[in-house]
Amino acid sequence: MRTVKDKVEVYEEAVVMVQALGVDLVAAKAKPFLINVSSYLY
């Protein structure tokens, strides 16, 4: 049986993973947008 501490650690790991995925998704979406903007400006 898991203790509360174990559950909190698993939850924190999941949050970190989700945040990392979110950052990757935002970066993947933002990259072409930034490239388009920079090519438009210069």
Protein backbone atom coordinates (compact mmCIF):
# COMPACT_ATOMS: atom_id res chain seq x y z
CA MET A 1 0.00 0.00 0.00
CA ARG A 2 1.29 3.43 -0.88
CA THR A 3 1.75 6.16 1.64
CA VAL A 4 0.59 9.72 1.08
CA LYS A 5 4.22 10.73 0.55
CA ASP A 6 4.54 8.22 -2.30
CA LYS A 7 1.37 9.52 -3.90
CA VAL A 8 2.58 13.12 -3.65
CA GLU A 9 5.91 12.19 -5.26
CA VAL A 10 4.14 10.42 -8.13
CA TYR A 11 1.83 13.40 -8.55
CA GLU A 12 4.77 15.83 -8.61
CA GLU A 13 6.55 13.69 -11.22
CA ALA A 14 3.40 13.67 -13.35
CA VAL A 15 3.09 17.46 -13.08
CA VAL A 16 6.72 17.90 -14.13
CA MET A 17 6.19 15.56 -17.09
CA VAL A 18 3.04 17.39 -18.19
CA GLN A 19 4.80 20.74 -17.88
CA ALA A 20 7.72 19.44 -19.96
CA LEU A 21 5.29 18.17 -22.62
CA GLY A 22 3.48 21.49 -22.58
CA VAL A 23 6.75 23.37 -23.07
CA ASP A 24 7.67 21.06 -25.97
CA LEU A 25 4.28 21.62 -27.61
CA VAL A 26 4.45 25.39 -27.19
CA ALA A 27 8.00 25.44 -28.56
CA ALA A 28 6.99 23.29 -31.53
CA LYS A 29 4.09 25.62 -32.31
CA ALA A 30 6.02 28.83 -31.63
CA LYS A 31 9.09 27.93 -33.70
CA PRO A 32 7.52 28.13 -37.18
CA PHE A 33 5.58 31.21 -36.07
CA LEU A 34 8.78 32.94 -34.94
CA ILE A 35 10.55 31.91 -38.15
CA ASN A 36 7.68 33.39 -40.20
CA VAL A 37 7.73 36.61 -38.20
CA SER A 38 11.50 37.00 -38.44
CA SER A 39 11.51 36.30 -42.19
CA TYR A 40 8.69 38.82 -42.60
CA LEU A 41 10.58 41.49 -40.66
CA TYR A 42 13.96 41.01 -42.34
